[in-house]
Amino acid sequence: MIQRLFNEPPTDKVSLFQHFFRTLYNNASKVILIQGLPEETDYHFVMSQLLLVGRIMVFEKKGTVYLLNGNIGGKCDEYYYPTRVLIANPIIGSLDLERDKEAVPVFLTPTDRVMASPVNKNFMPGGLYSLISMVANILAECMTTINTTLMNTRVHAIYTADSESAARSAEPVLKSIYAGKPFSVVTSELLERLNVNPLSQHGLSNCLIETLEVCQYVLSLFWNGIGIDANYNMKRERLITAEVDKNIQSLIVPIQTILETLNEGFEKANTLFGTSLVAIQNPEFAISQEEGDDNDEENSSDGNSSEESVGGSNEDELADEDTESEGESDEESSESEDSDESDKSEESESEHEKEDD
């Protein structure tokens, strides 16, 4: 069974979609950490319900706190929100509990809380299911295109013959050439009956490059959608400070929304059942707004200092030029004075000579 899997690579779109879906889910499950779970709780089950369904129900039965899947229903309150939590488990049984008093629904995002209400007739998958499935589908399409393009790049020319006999005669010659034979001897009649039509590979190479760029861009959208910095290089030389600030803020918003929504439900559960549930961002993926501000201040201070240094150097250069020009003018004036004094001395000497004569 395992050996057969190695002989059949997943090249169809369905297999590629499943591969990318599993990969993206595994990556997304590492971004958020839930602490304070009871020892008997299955951590991976809780994460799967939150990421793919968008909710988990926290309740207590016979002194044990459970985090299991369930629904909300029953009579609505004044805000048209159901007041009952419905649990159907093959081991625990069926339970009908009062919301926020006997059971607490914990949601991943505010949208999951709204869409979970039976009043809403439009069904929409919860959690990150829509994001993961959308990105996985696009990546599967891109990989299918890449596979097709790579196979098409192997074809460099199409040969045409006037008759079937000429085609049969030319085929072994072409096979020997592609096999690496250094030479092949053919008749002039065969060359006259065989035509070569070269194919341009320029369009295929551009298609391959553009498809790879789409893959990279879609992956960056996925990471940014869950608050992870994965900038896509749009062939720009640099980013200005304002663009970096906007990028950091756009990354912080989705992860902060998720954490606030989760901890809002966990705080209610902690108050009811005495637990210490809390959701945090994985420190390995965390982006600190304060660090970003500090970096901006350092960059701005560095920029000011560099501007000051540039201005100072310009002023120094100007001062040096002024002193040099003043020195040159002083030298010229001294030279002119010396020349005047020498002229005067020569005139006096000539007058003395005339008097002597």
Protein backbone atom coordinates (compact mmCIF):
# COMPACT_ATOMS: atom_id res chain seq x y z
CA MET A 1 0.00 0.00 0.00
CA ILE A 2 2.70 2.51 1.02
CA GLN A 3 4.91 1.53 -1.93
CA ARG A 4 2.02 2.13 -4.33
CA LEU A 5 1.60 5.67 -2.98
CA PHE A 6 5.20 6.49 -3.90
CA ASN A 7 4.55 5.32 -7.46
CA GLU A 8 1.50 7.59 -7.89
CA PRO A 9 2.37 11.26 -7.24
CA PRO A 10 -0.63 13.53 -6.45
CA THR A 11 -0.88 15.52 -9.69
CA ASP A 12 -4.66 15.91 -9.97
CA LYS A 13 -6.34 18.99 -8.57
CA VAL A 14 -8.27 17.15 -5.83
CA SER A 15 -5.12 15.60 -4.37
CA LEU A 16 -3.28 18.92 -4.60
CA PHE A 17 -6.15 20.73 -2.86
CA GLN A 18 -6.13 18.21 -0.01
CA HIS A 19 -2.36 18.54 0.32
CA PHE A 20 -2.40 22.33 0.51
CA PHE A 21 -5.43 22.33 2.83
CA ARG A 22 -3.64 20.06 5.32
CA THR A 23 -0.43 22.10 5.07
CA LEU A 24 -2.17 25.45 5.59
CA TYR A 25 -4.20 24.11 8.51
CA ASN A 26 -1.08 22.72 10.19
CA ASN A 27 0.62 26.10 9.84
CA ALA A 28 -2.39 28.04 11.10
CA SER A 29 -2.74 25.78 14.16
CA LYS A 30 0.67 26.96 15.39
CA VAL A 31 -0.18 30.66 15.41
CA ILE A 32 -2.55 30.62 18.44
CA LEU A 33 -1.84 28.83 21.70
CA ILE A 34 -4.50 27.95 24.29
CA GLN A 35 -3.25 27.64 27.84
CA GLY A 36 -4.94 26.34 30.98
CA LEU A 37 -6.83 23.44 29.39
CA PRO A 38 -7.86 20.57 31.66
CA GLU A 39 -5.53 17.58 31.51
CA GLU A 40 -8.15 15.29 29.97
CA THR A 41 -8.90 17.76 27.13
CA ASP A 42 -7.73 16.91 23.61
CA TYR A 43 -5.86 20.02 22.53
CA HIS A 44 -5.86 19.17 18.81
CA PHE A 45 -9.62 18.57 18.84
CA VAL A 46 -10.21 21.98 20.40
CA MET A 47 -8.00 23.66 17.79
CA SER A 48 -9.72 21.87 14.92
CA GLN A 49 -13.15 23.00 16.13
CA LEU A 50 -12.03 26.59 16.53
CA LEU A 51 -10.13 26.86 13.24
CA LEU A 52 -12.52 24.92 10.99
CA VAL A 53 -15.92 25.33 12.71
CA GLY A 54 -15.33 28.60 14.55
CA ARG A 55 -16.61 27.67 18.02
CA ILE A 56 -16.21 25.38 21.01
CA MET A 57 -18.59 24.85 23.96
CA VAL A 58 -17.27 24.93 27.53
CA PHE A 59 -19.45 23.24 30.14
CA GLU A 60 -19.18 21.13 33.26
CA LYS A 61 -20.69 17.75 34.05
CA LYS A 62 -20.07 15.73 37.21
CA GLY A 63 -17.16 17.93 38.23
CA THR A 64 -15.36 17.68 34.89
CA VAL A 65 -14.97 20.65 32.54
CA TYR A 66 -15.37 19.76 28.88
CA LEU A 67 -14.56 21.64 25.69
CA LEU A 68 -16.62 20.00 22.95
CA ASN A 69 -18.49 20.86 19.78
CA GLY A 70 -22.11 21.94 20.00
CA ASN A 71 -24.71 24.41 18.79
CA ILE A 72 -26.75 27.25 20.18
CA GLY A 73 -30.52 27.35 19.99
CA GLY A 74 -33.70 27.70 21.96
CA LYS A 75 -35.49 30.92 22.83
CA CYS A 76 -33.77 34.18 21.88
CA ASP A 77 -33.04 37.08 24.20
CA GLU A 78 -33.80 40.76 23.58
CA TYR A 79 -30.87 40.92 21.13
CA TYR A 80 -32.24 37.98 19.12
CA TYR A 81 -29.44 35.72 20.29
CA PRO A 82 -30.26 32.12 21.38
CA THR A 83 -30.11 31.43 25.10
CA ARG A 84 -29.47 27.66 25.05
CA VAL A 85 -26.38 25.55 24.33
CA LEU A 86 -27.10 22.17 22.77
CA ILE A 87 -24.64 19.27 23.18
CA ALA A 88 -24.98 15.90 21.46
CA ASN A 89 -22.11 13.57 22.36
CA PRO A 90 -22.14 9.74 22.05
CA ILE A 91 -20.38 9.34 25.41
CA ILE A 92 -21.65 12.25 27.49
CA GLY A 93 -25.13 12.24 25.98
CA SER A 94 -27.48 15.02 24.93
CA LEU A 95 -27.52 18.19 27.01
CA ASP A 96 -29.63 21.35 26.89
CA LEU A 97 -27.82 24.00 28.96
CA GLU A 98 -28.44 27.67 29.64
CA ARG A 99 -26.00 29.94 27.85
CA ASP A 100 -23.45 31.83 29.98
CA LYS A 101 -24.78 30.15 33.15
CA GLU A 102 -24.38 26.43 32.57
CA ALA A 103 -22.30 26.52 29.38
CA VAL A 104 -20.23 29.13 27.56
CA PRO A 105 -19.84 29.21 23.76
CA VAL A 106 -16.37 30.39 22.75
CA PHE A 107 -15.97 31.75 19.22
CA LEU A 108 -12.90 32.37 17.09
CA THR A 109 -14.08 35.59 15.46
CA PRO A 110 -17.05 37.98 15.85
CA THR A 111 -18.39 36.68 12.52
CA ASP A 112 -18.55 33.15 13.93
CA ARG A 113 -20.72 34.40 16.79
CA VAL A 114 -23.15 36.10 14.40
CA MET A 115 -23.31 33.27 11.88
CA ALA A 116 -23.84 30.63 14.58
CA SER A 117 -27.29 31.97 15.36
CA PRO A 118 -30.15 29.88 13.90
CA VAL A 119 -31.90 33.17 13.06
CA ASN A 120 -29.36 33.63 10.28
CA LYS A 121 -30.57 31.52 7.37
CA ASN A 122 -27.33 31.87 5.34
CA PHE A 123 -24.90 29.08 6.06
CA MET A 124 -21.23 30.02 6.02
CA PRO A 125 -18.32 27.85 7.18
CA GLY A 126 -16.75 29.18 10.36
CA GLY A 127 -13.27 29.80 11.63
CA LEU A 128 -10.50 29.92 9.06
CA TYR A 129 -12.11 27.29 6.85
CA SER A 130 -13.03 29.73 4.07
CA LEU A 131 -9.54 31.29 4.03
CA ILE A 132 -7.73 27.94 4.08
CA SER A 133 -9.95 26.38 1.41
CA MET A 134 -9.72 29.43 -0.87
CA VAL A 135 -5.92 29.60 -0.70
CA ALA A 136 -5.60 25.81 -1.05
CA ASN A 137 -7.80 25.88 -4.16
CA ILE A 138 -5.74 28.65 -5.81
CA LEU A 139 -2.47 26.89 -4.96
CA ALA A 140 -3.81 23.66 -6.43
CA GLU A 141 -4.71 25.53 -9.64
CA CYS A 142 -1.25 27.10 -9.75
CA MET A 143 0.47 23.75 -9.24
CA THR A 144 -1.63 22.17 -11.99
CA THR A 145 -0.61 24.99 -14.33
CA ILE A 146 3.03 24.58 -13.36
CA ASN A 147 2.93 20.84 -14.05
CA THR A 148 1.37 21.40 -17.48
CA THR A 149 3.82 24.18 -18.34
CA LEU A 150 6.83 22.11 -17.35
CA MET A 151 5.68 19.25 -19.57
CA ASN A 152 5.09 21.61 -22.49
CA THR A 153 8.59 23.07 -22.19
CA ARG A 154 9.98 19.69 -23.22
CA VAL A 155 8.59 20.16 -26.75
CA HIS A 156 11.03 22.29 -28.76
CA ALA A 157 9.87 21.57 -32.32
CA ILE A 158 7.19 19.80 -34.37
CA TYR A 159 8.25 17.81 -37.42
CA THR A 160 5.99 17.38 -40.43
CA ALA A 161 6.41 14.95 -43.33
CA ASP A 162 4.77 14.77 -46.75
CA SER A 163 3.85 11.09 -46.38
CA GLU A 164 3.58 8.37 -43.79
CA SER A 165 6.63 6.56 -45.18
CA ALA A 166 8.74 9.69 -44.74
CA ALA A 167 7.48 10.01 -41.16
CA ARG A 168 8.44 6.42 -40.38
CA SER A 169 11.88 6.96 -41.93
CA ALA A 170 12.52 10.16 -39.95
CA GLU A 171 11.36 8.87 -36.55
CA PRO A 172 14.36 6.58 -35.81
CA VAL A 173 16.74 9.33 -36.90
CA LEU A 174 15.16 11.82 -34.47
CA LYS A 175 15.15 9.23 -31.67
CA SER A 176 18.86 8.62 -32.14
CA ILE A 177 19.55 12.35 -32.05
CA TYR A 178 17.55 12.84 -28.84
CA ALA A 179 19.29 9.79 -27.37
CA GLY A 180 22.62 11.59 -27.75
CA LYS A 181 24.06 9.99 -30.91
CA PRO A 182 26.73 12.37 -32.24
CA PHE A 183 25.69 12.08 -35.89
CA SER A 184 23.05 10.64 -38.20
CA VAL A 185 23.28 10.04 -41.95
CA VAL A 186 20.09 10.60 -43.94
CA THR A 187 19.31 10.89 -47.60
CA SER A 188 18.73 14.23 -49.22
CA GLU A 189 15.29 13.03 -50.27
CA LEU A 190 14.34 12.56 -46.61
CA LEU A 191 15.51 16.07 -45.73
CA GLU A 192 13.45 17.50 -48.55
CA ARG A 193 10.34 15.64 -47.36
CA LEU A 194 10.84 16.58 -43.66
CA ASN A 195 9.96 20.01 -42.34
CA VAL A 196 10.96 21.40 -38.91
CA ASN A 197 8.67 23.86 -37.11
CA PRO A 198 10.43 25.27 -34.03
CA LEU A 199 8.30 26.28 -31.05
CA SER A 200 8.96 29.46 -29.11
CA GLN A 201 9.53 28.84 -25.38
CA HIS A 202 9.28 32.52 -24.46
CA GLY A 203 5.57 32.40 -23.72
CA LEU A 204 5.88 29.23 -21.63
CA SER A 205 8.68 30.66 -19.52
CA ASN A 206 6.67 33.83 -18.84
CA CYS A 207 3.66 31.72 -17.86
CA LEU A 208 5.80 29.71 -15.44
CA ILE A 209 7.27 32.83 -13.81
CA GLU A 210 3.87 34.52 -13.47
CA THR A 211 2.33 31.39 -11.96
CA LEU A 212 5.10 31.14 -9.37
CA GLU A 213 4.59 34.80 -8.48
CA VAL A 214 0.87 34.15 -8.00
CA CYS A 215 1.68 31.27 -5.63
CA GLN A 216 3.97 33.48 -3.58
CA TYR A 217 1.43 36.31 -3.51
CA VAL A 218 -1.44 34.03 -2.42
CA LEU A 219 0.68 32.52 0.35
CA SER A 220 1.54 35.99 1.64
CA LEU A 221 -2.19 36.83 1.67
CA PHE A 222 -2.86 33.73 3.75
CA TRP A 223 -0.20 34.57 6.34
CA ASN A 224 -1.22 38.21 6.49
CA GLY A 225 -4.84 37.09 6.93
CA ILE A 226 -3.94 35.42 10.23
CA GLY A 227 -1.59 38.18 11.38
CA ILE A 228 1.79 36.82 10.28
CA ASP A 229 4.30 39.01 8.48
CA ALA A 230 5.02 37.53 5.05
CA ASN A 231 5.74 40.40 2.69
CA TYR A 232 5.43 39.70 -1.01
CA ASN A 233 8.24 41.24 -3.03
CA MET A 234 6.53 43.36 -5.68
CA LYS A 235 9.91 44.16 -7.32
CA ARG A 236 10.17 47.40 -5.39
CA GLU A 237 13.54 48.61 -4.21
CA ARG A 238 12.41 49.74 -0.75
CA LEU A 239 9.38 50.54 1.41
CA ILE A 240 8.89 53.92 3.02
CA THR A 241 8.18 54.21 6.74
CA ALA A 242 4.46 54.95 6.29
CA GLU A 243 3.98 51.79 4.22
CA VAL A 244 5.79 49.69 6.83
CA ASP A 245 3.57 51.15 9.59
CA LYS A 246 0.40 50.34 7.66
CA ASN A 247 1.62 46.81 7.02
CA ILE A 248 2.31 46.23 10.72
CA GLN A 249 -1.10 47.58 11.74
CA SER A 250 -2.90 45.48 9.14
CA LEU A 251 -1.12 42.39 10.49
CA ILE A 252 -1.94 43.14 14.13
CA VAL A 253 -5.68 43.70 13.56
CA PRO A 254 -6.71 40.11 12.57
CA ILE A 255 -4.73 38.34 15.29
CA GLN A 256 -5.88 40.82 17.96
CA THR A 257 -9.49 40.31 16.89
CA ILE A 258 -9.14 36.55 17.23
CA LEU A 259 -7.45 36.76 20.62
CA GLU A 260 -9.99 39.23 22.00
CA THR A 261 -12.93 37.10 20.85
CA LEU A 262 -11.45 33.90 22.30
CA ASN A 263 -10.50 35.46 25.63
CA GLU A 264 -13.92 37.06 25.96
CA GLY A 265 -15.46 33.59 26.04
CA PHE A 266 -12.66 32.08 28.13
CA GLU A 267 -13.10 34.77 30.82
CA LYS A 268 -16.77 33.85 31.19
CA ALA A 269 -15.83 30.16 31.43
CA ASN A 270 -13.14 30.92 34.01
CA THR A 271 -15.66 32.78 36.14
CA LEU A 272 -18.23 29.96 35.98
CA PHE A 273 -16.00 26.89 36.30
CA GLY A 274 -12.87 28.20 38.04
CA THR A 275 -10.58 27.41 35.11
CA SER A 276 -7.64 29.47 33.85
CA LEU A 277 -8.21 29.34 30.11
CA VAL A 278 -6.42 31.95 28.02
CA ALA A 279 -5.53 32.34 24.35
CA ILE A 280 -2.21 33.91 23.36
CA GLN A 281 -0.27 34.35 20.16
CA ASN A 282 2.66 32.06 19.64
CA PRO A 283 5.75 34.14 20.58
CA GLU A 284 7.54 32.78 17.53
CA PHE A 285 5.01 34.56 15.30
CA ALA A 286 4.22 37.56 17.50
CA ILE A 287 4.45 41.09 16.11
CA SER A 288 4.79 43.77 18.77
CA GLN A 289 3.34 47.20 18.03
CA GLU A 290 5.68 48.77 20.60
CA GLU A 291 8.71 47.22 18.95
CA GLY A 292 7.48 48.56 15.62
CA ASP A 293 7.10 52.04 17.14
CA ASP A 294 10.54 51.80 18.73
CA ASN A 295 12.01 50.79 15.40
CA ASP A 296 10.25 53.70 13.74
CA GLU A 297 11.63 56.10 16.38
CA GLU A 298 15.11 54.68 15.92
CA ASN A 299 14.77 54.97 12.17
CA SER A 300 13.49 58.53 12.45
CA SER A 301 16.26 59.45 14.91
CA ASP A 302 18.81 57.84 12.65
CA GLY A 303 17.34 59.73 9.74
CA ASN A 304 17.51 63.03 11.64
CA SER A 305 21.04 62.38 12.78
CA SER A 306 22.01 61.43 9.28
CA GLU A 307 20.35 64.56 7.96
CA GLU A 308 22.09 66.61 10.63
CA SER A 309 25.39 65.01 9.81
CA VAL A 310 24.81 65.66 6.14
CA GLY A 311 23.87 69.25 6.87
CA GLY A 312 26.82 69.63 9.21
CA SER A 313 29.19 68.22 6.67
CA ASN A 314 27.80 70.60 4.07
CA GLU A 315 28.23 73.53 6.42
CA ASP A 316 31.76 72.43 7.23
CA GLU A 317 32.54 72.10 3.56
CA LEU A 318 31.12 75.54 2.91
CA ALA A 319 33.12 76.94 5.82
CA ASP A 320 36.24 75.26 4.50
CA GLU A 321 35.58 76.68 1.08
CA ASP A 322 35.10 80.15 2.59
CA THR A 323 38.35 79.89 4.53
CA GLU A 324 40.14 78.64 1.45
CA SER A 325 38.70 81.48 -0.63
CA GLU A 326 39.66 83.97 2.12
CA GLY A 327 43.15 82.50 2.25
CA GLU A 328 43.45 82.73 -1.50
CA SER A 329 42.23 86.35 -1.45
CA ASP A 330 44.72 87.15 1.35
CA GLU A 331 47.51 85.59 -0.63
CA GLU A 332 46.49 87.52 -3.74
CA SER A 333 46.33 90.77 -1.76
CA SER A 334 49.73 90.11 -0.17
CA GLU A 335 51.18 89.31 -3.56
CA SER A 336 49.70 92.51 -4.96
CA GLU A 337 51.15 94.51 -2.03
CA ASP A 338 54.57 92.93 -2.56
CA SER A 339 54.43 93.73 -6.23
CA ASP A 340 53.49 97.36 -5.44
CA GLU A 341 56.36 97.69 -2.95
CA SER A 342 58.84 96.25 -5.44
CA ASP A 343 57.62 98.69 -8.08
CA LYS A 344 58.05 101.58 -5.66
CA SER A 345 61.55 100.47 -4.72
CA GLU A 346 62.50 100.20 -8.38
CA GLU A 347 61.18 103.71 -9.03
CA SER A 348 63.16 105.14 -6.06
CA GLU A 349 66.35 103.45 -7.28
CA SER A 350 65.87 104.90 -10.75
CA GLU A 351 65.39 108.40 -9.23
CA HIS A 352 68.62 108.06 -7.19
CA GLU A 353 70.51 107.07 -10.32
CA LYS A 354 69.21 110.12 -12.16
CA GLU A 355 70.30 112.37 -9.28
CA ASP A 356 73.78 110.85 -9.30
CA ASP A 357 74.05 111.47 -13.00
